[in-house]
Amino acid sequence: MSETSMTAVVEYGPGQLKLETIPIPTAAANEVVIEVEACGVCTSDVKAWHGAPRYWGGNGQPKWIREPVVPGHEFLGHIVELGAGVEGFAIGDRVITDQIIPCGHCRYCRRGEYWMCERHDMYGFQVNGGWARYMKIVSDSLPYLYKVPEQIPTSAAVLLEPFACSFHTVERANIQIGDVVVLSGAGPLGLGMIGPILQRGPQALVLLDLKPERLAVAKRFGAHHVLNPATDNLDRVISDLTDGYGCDVYIEAASSGKSVLQGLKLLVNGERLSR
């Protein structure tokens, strides 16, 4: 690359996003630099903008963001620089990596549960992310760097990270053949769960949302029943589907306290709530 600087969004605090010119990152050993093809905007980015204590500290929460930082963790791009020691990749490869940068040494990393890493750094919060023309994939992420086929359109490829979260949630729910599954929330993550749920052979998938347009999309995606908790009698529908017992699995994808309480009410004794 002949350029030495780039335009990036830099976050300094709640409500403080600035468009700035900053140096283009360079790759050290076992690192790569990518030119960002696309990067999504996550709900966590919106919460950080509004100043949620989960990110900035307060209300008993420690501060998590290390500002100034370039936001963006739902990214993909093409490799433009390879650091020494990087094998299996070439300039021009289209790649993506996990949003979490695991330490590789804690108890969770050692047993393969790197998403539970004690350090739990993330691109866009502690390490510069994808709201820039270029970004660096650091060495601890190299084992989790994956090639993305060029034939996948950008509009679909940029959903790989959020839909991976959807898939992981469904895996944690341990759905069995014949289960009655209730999924609360038909936003992007909830919609991304429909396919993996149906692959597990449930007797019924009931999807809940307050917005009719979202329910219509969920029905098109294959949900067996779509209900609005504000207008439909959930207790009666679930009771009719389960001979009065309650659902086997309740997945909370609405980020709502009321939705969690609703799930505890709808579940049959001893069954599974996943978030």
Protein backbone atom coordinates (compact mmCIF):
# COMPACT_ATOMS: atom_id res chain seq x y z
CA MET A 1 0.00 0.00 0.00
CA SER A 2 1.28 3.46 -0.87
CA GLU A 3 -1.07 5.26 1.53
CA THR A 4 -0.11 5.83 5.15
CA SER A 5 -3.38 7.25 6.52
CA MET A 6 -7.08 6.45 6.29
CA THR A 7 -10.49 7.71 7.33
CA ALA A 8 -12.03 5.97 10.34
CA VAL A 9 -14.77 6.39 12.91
CA VAL A 10 -13.23 6.76 16.37
CA GLU A 11 -15.19 6.44 19.62
CA TYR A 12 -14.20 8.57 22.61
CA GLY A 13 -17.19 8.16 24.90
CA PRO A 14 -20.99 8.00 24.98
CA GLY A 15 -22.33 9.98 22.03
CA GLN A 16 -18.80 10.81 20.92
CA LEU A 17 -18.09 9.28 17.52
CA LYS A 18 -15.72 11.27 15.36
CA LEU A 19 -14.70 10.85 11.73
CA GLU A 20 -10.93 11.19 11.74
CA THR A 21 -7.81 10.54 9.71
CA ILE A 22 -5.60 7.98 11.46
CA PRO A 23 -2.55 5.89 10.46
CA ILE A 24 -3.15 2.71 8.45
CA PRO A 25 -2.23 -0.29 10.65
CA THR A 26 0.73 -2.48 9.74
CA ALA A 27 1.13 -6.21 10.29
CA ALA A 28 3.65 -7.50 12.82
CA ALA A 29 4.54 -11.20 13.10
CA ASN A 30 1.49 -13.50 12.86
CA GLU A 31 -0.80 -10.59 12.02
CA VAL A 32 -2.64 -9.57 8.86
CA VAL A 33 -4.12 -6.30 7.65
CA ILE A 34 -7.37 -6.36 5.70
CA GLU A 35 -9.15 -3.81 3.58
CA VAL A 36 -12.65 -3.79 5.03
CA GLU A 37 -15.34 -4.82 2.56
CA ALA A 38 -18.27 -4.28 4.92
CA CYS A 39 -19.00 -3.93 8.64
CA GLY A 40 -22.33 -4.13 10.41
CA VAL A 41 -23.80 -2.06 13.23
CA CYS A 42 -24.65 -4.20 16.25
CA THR A 43 -27.06 -3.44 19.07
CA SER A 44 -24.02 -3.32 21.34
CA ASP A 45 -22.66 -0.44 19.24
CA VAL A 46 -25.93 1.41 19.76
CA LYS A 47 -25.82 0.73 23.50
CA ALA A 48 -22.25 2.00 23.67
CA TRP A 49 -23.33 5.18 21.86
CA HIS A 50 -26.06 5.74 24.43
CA GLY A 51 -23.66 5.18 27.34
CA ALA A 52 -24.77 1.84 28.80
CA PRO A 53 -22.90 1.02 32.06
CA ARG A 54 -22.07 -2.40 30.60
CA TYR A 55 -19.60 -0.63 28.33
CA TRP A 56 -18.60 2.60 30.11
CA GLY A 57 -18.90 1.56 33.74
CA GLY A 58 -21.22 2.67 36.53
CA ASN A 59 -24.14 1.12 38.40
CA GLY A 60 -21.78 -1.53 39.75
CA GLN A 61 -20.33 -2.36 36.35
CA PRO A 62 -16.60 -2.01 35.58
CA LYS A 63 -15.59 -0.05 32.50
CA TRP A 64 -15.08 -2.33 29.49
CA ILE A 65 -14.35 -0.13 26.46
CA ARG A 66 -10.79 1.12 26.06
CA GLU A 67 -11.23 4.38 24.19
CA PRO A 68 -10.26 5.89 21.84
CA VAL A 69 -11.17 2.89 19.68
CA VAL A 70 -12.48 2.24 16.18
CA PRO A 71 -15.85 0.43 16.61
CA GLY A 72 -17.14 -2.44 14.49
CA HIS A 73 -16.96 -6.21 15.06
CA GLU A 74 -19.23 -7.54 12.28
CA PHE A 75 -16.63 -7.17 9.54
CA LEU A 76 -15.05 -8.98 6.62
CA GLY A 77 -12.44 -7.93 4.10
CA HIS A 78 -9.54 -8.83 1.83
CA ILE A 79 -5.97 -9.33 3.02
CA VAL A 80 -3.62 -6.56 1.90
CA GLU A 81 -0.63 -7.33 4.15
CA LEU A 82 0.75 -10.52 5.71
CA GLY A 83 3.02 -10.47 8.73
CA ALA A 84 5.94 -12.86 9.15
CA GLY A 85 4.91 -16.39 10.09
CA VAL A 86 1.40 -16.26 8.63
CA GLU A 87 0.73 -19.47 6.70
CA GLY A 88 -2.24 -20.69 4.69
CA PHE A 89 -3.32 -17.22 3.56
CA ALA A 90 -2.38 -14.97 0.65
CA ILE A 91 -2.76 -11.35 -0.37
CA GLY A 92 -6.27 -10.91 -1.75
CA ASP A 93 -7.93 -13.65 0.30
CA ARG A 94 -11.40 -12.70 1.53
CA VAL A 95 -11.46 -13.40 5.26
CA ILE A 96 -13.38 -13.06 8.50
CA THR A 97 -12.43 -13.71 12.09
CA ASP A 98 -14.26 -14.12 15.38
CA GLN A 99 -15.18 -10.91 17.14
CA ILE A 100 -13.62 -12.15 20.38
CA ILE A 101 -9.82 -12.07 20.70
CA PRO A 102 -9.11 -15.00 23.06
CA CYS A 103 -6.00 -15.13 25.22
CA GLY A 104 -5.39 -18.81 24.47
CA HIS A 105 -4.25 -19.54 28.03
CA CYS A 106 -7.18 -19.30 30.48
CA ARG A 107 -9.17 -22.36 31.56
CA TYR A 108 -11.87 -21.66 28.97
CA CYS A 109 -9.44 -21.26 26.06
CA ARG A 110 -7.59 -24.43 27.08
CA ARG A 111 -10.77 -26.48 26.84
CA GLY A 112 -11.90 -24.91 23.56
CA GLU A 113 -14.54 -22.56 24.98
CA TYR A 114 -12.75 -19.47 23.75
CA TRP A 115 -15.96 -17.40 23.67
CA MET A 116 -15.82 -17.53 27.48
CA CYS A 117 -12.22 -16.24 27.59
CA GLU A 118 -11.33 -14.53 30.87
CA ARG A 119 -9.72 -11.58 29.06
CA HIS A 120 -12.56 -11.42 26.51
CA ASP A 121 -11.24 -8.57 24.42
CA MET A 122 -13.27 -7.75 21.32
CA TYR A 123 -12.70 -5.89 18.12
CA GLY A 124 -14.42 -2.52 18.23
CA PHE A 125 -14.29 -2.25 22.01
CA GLN A 126 -10.71 -2.87 23.15
CA VAL A 127 -8.98 -3.36 19.77
CA ASN A 128 -9.68 -1.29 16.66
CA GLY A 129 -12.49 -2.74 14.55
CA GLY A 130 -14.01 -2.42 11.13
CA TRP A 131 -15.45 1.09 10.93
CA ALA A 132 -12.42 2.10 8.89
CA ARG A 133 -10.96 1.37 5.47
CA TYR A 134 -8.32 -0.96 6.91
CA MET A 135 -8.02 -2.96 10.11
CA LYS A 136 -5.51 -5.30 11.66
CA ILE A 137 -6.22 -8.90 12.66
CA VAL A 138 -3.96 -9.41 15.69
CA SER A 139 -1.91 -12.54 16.36
CA ASP A 140 -4.25 -14.03 18.99
CA SER A 141 -6.99 -14.04 16.33
CA LEU A 142 -4.92 -15.84 13.69
CA PRO A 143 -6.15 -19.35 14.72
CA TYR A 144 -9.72 -18.09 14.19
CA LEU A 145 -9.20 -16.47 10.76
CA TYR A 146 -11.37 -18.02 8.04
CA LYS A 147 -11.62 -17.65 4.28
CA VAL A 148 -14.95 -16.50 2.86
CA PRO A 149 -15.93 -17.65 -0.67
CA GLU A 150 -16.08 -14.78 -3.15
CA GLN A 151 -19.39 -15.99 -4.57
CA ILE A 152 -21.21 -15.08 -1.34
CA PRO A 153 -22.60 -11.55 -1.89
CA THR A 154 -21.49 -8.83 0.50
CA SER A 155 -25.03 -8.39 1.84
CA ALA A 156 -24.99 -12.03 3.01
CA ALA A 157 -21.33 -12.32 3.98
CA VAL A 158 -21.55 -9.40 6.40
CA LEU A 159 -24.17 -11.40 8.33
CA LEU A 160 -21.79 -14.29 9.04
CA GLU A 161 -20.80 -12.98 12.47
CA PRO A 162 -24.32 -12.22 13.80
CA PHE A 163 -25.73 -15.43 12.33
CA ALA A 164 -22.88 -17.37 13.97
CA CYS A 165 -24.17 -15.93 17.26
CA SER A 166 -27.66 -17.13 16.31
CA PHE A 167 -26.33 -20.61 15.56
CA HIS A 168 -24.42 -20.75 18.85
CA THR A 169 -27.54 -19.83 20.82
CA VAL A 170 -29.48 -22.64 19.16
CA GLU A 171 -26.64 -25.09 19.90
CA ARG A 172 -26.77 -24.13 23.58
CA ALA A 173 -30.53 -24.79 23.66
CA ASN A 174 -29.94 -28.51 22.96
CA ILE A 175 -33.17 -28.90 20.98
CA GLN A 176 -34.36 -32.48 20.56
CA ILE A 177 -36.53 -34.02 17.85
CA GLY A 178 -40.18 -33.44 18.73
CA ASP A 179 -39.61 -30.50 21.07
CA VAL A 180 -41.96 -27.54 21.13
CA VAL A 181 -39.71 -24.49 20.83
CA VAL A 182 -40.71 -20.90 21.58
CA LEU A 183 -38.44 -18.21 20.15
CA SER A 184 -38.99 -14.69 21.50
CA GLY A 185 -37.76 -11.95 19.18
CA ALA A 186 -37.75 -11.71 15.38
CA GLY A 187 -34.94 -9.22 14.93
CA PRO A 188 -31.91 -10.17 12.82
CA LEU A 189 -30.52 -12.60 15.41
CA GLY A 190 -33.90 -14.21 16.07
CA LEU A 191 -34.57 -14.63 12.36
CA GLY A 192 -31.12 -16.16 12.03
CA MET A 193 -32.10 -18.84 14.54
CA ILE A 194 -35.10 -20.13 12.61
CA GLY A 195 -33.14 -22.25 10.12
CA PRO A 196 -30.92 -23.97 12.72
CA ILE A 197 -33.95 -24.65 14.93
CA LEU A 198 -35.90 -26.26 12.10
CA GLN A 199 -32.90 -28.44 11.22
CA ARG A 200 -33.20 -30.04 14.65
CA GLY A 201 -36.67 -31.41 13.97
CA PRO A 202 -38.95 -29.69 16.48
CA GLN A 203 -42.63 -30.59 16.64
CA ALA A 204 -43.40 -26.88 16.49
CA LEU A 205 -41.55 -23.58 16.39
CA VAL A 206 -43.55 -20.70 17.87
CA LEU A 207 -42.10 -17.26 17.24
CA LEU A 208 -43.07 -14.21 19.29
CA ASP A 209 -42.69 -10.54 18.41
CA LEU A 210 -44.59 -7.30 18.88
CA LYS A 211 -44.15 -6.12 15.27
CA PRO A 212 -46.46 -7.61 12.61
CA GLU A 213 -43.93 -7.01 9.82
CA ARG A 214 -41.34 -9.08 11.68
CA LEU A 215 -43.83 -11.85 12.29
CA ALA A 216 -44.58 -11.93 8.56
CA VAL A 217 -40.88 -12.41 7.77
CA ALA A 218 -40.59 -15.12 10.43
CA LYS A 219 -43.51 -16.97 8.87
CA ARG A 220 -41.83 -16.74 5.47
CA PHE A 221 -38.63 -18.10 6.99
CA GLY A 222 -40.50 -21.19 8.18
CA ALA A 223 -41.80 -20.59 11.72
CA HIS A 224 -44.83 -22.81 12.30
CA HIS A 225 -46.71 -20.31 14.47
CA VAL A 226 -46.20 -16.55 14.84
CA LEU A 227 -47.77 -14.72 17.78
CA ASN A 228 -47.92 -11.21 19.18
CA PRO A 229 -47.65 -11.34 23.01
CA ALA A 230 -49.63 -8.09 23.25
CA THR A 231 -52.69 -9.45 21.45
CA ASP A 232 -52.50 -13.26 21.37
CA ASN A 233 -53.17 -15.69 24.21
CA LEU A 234 -49.75 -17.34 24.52
CA ASP A 235 -50.71 -19.56 27.45
CA ARG A 236 -53.60 -21.09 25.54
CA VAL A 237 -51.64 -21.67 22.32
CA ILE A 238 -48.68 -23.28 24.08
CA SER A 239 -51.01 -25.33 26.27
CA ASP A 240 -52.86 -26.62 23.20
CA LEU A 241 -49.57 -27.57 21.50
CA THR A 242 -48.20 -29.41 24.54
CA ASP A 243 -51.27 -31.03 26.15
CA GLY A 244 -51.06 -28.47 28.91
CA TYR A 245 -47.42 -29.07 29.90
CA GLY A 246 -45.57 -26.07 28.46
CA CYS A 247 -42.84 -25.67 25.87
CA ASP A 248 -39.64 -27.72 25.97
CA VAL A 249 -37.31 -24.90 24.92
CA TYR A 250 -37.64 -21.14 25.22
CA ILE A 251 -35.06 -18.97 23.44
CA GLU A 252 -34.91 -15.31 24.47
CA ALA A 253 -33.74 -13.15 21.54
CA ALA A 254 -35.61 -9.95 22.36
CA SER A 255 -33.23 -8.59 25.04
CA SER A 256 -36.21 -7.97 27.28
CA GLY A 257 -36.65 -8.66 30.97
CA LYS A 258 -40.36 -9.24 30.41
CA SER A 259 -39.49 -11.80 27.75
CA VAL A 260 -37.34 -13.75 30.20
CA LEU A 261 -40.13 -13.86 32.78
CA GLN A 262 -42.55 -14.88 30.04
CA GLY A 263 -40.25 -17.77 29.14
CA LEU A 264 -40.07 -19.02 32.72
CA LYS A 265 -43.86 -19.07 32.77
CA LEU A 266 -44.24 -20.92 29.45
CA LEU A 267 -41.61 -23.61 30.05
CA VAL A 268 -42.50 -27.12 31.19
CA ASN A 269 -40.81 -28.08 34.46
CA GLY A 270 -37.13 -28.94 34.08
CA GLU A 271 -36.67 -27.75 30.50
CA ARG A 272 -34.41 -25.21 28.84
CA LEU A 273 -34.22 -21.42 28.52
CA SER A 274 -31.45 -20.11 26.28
CA ARG A 275 -30.26 -16.55 25.48
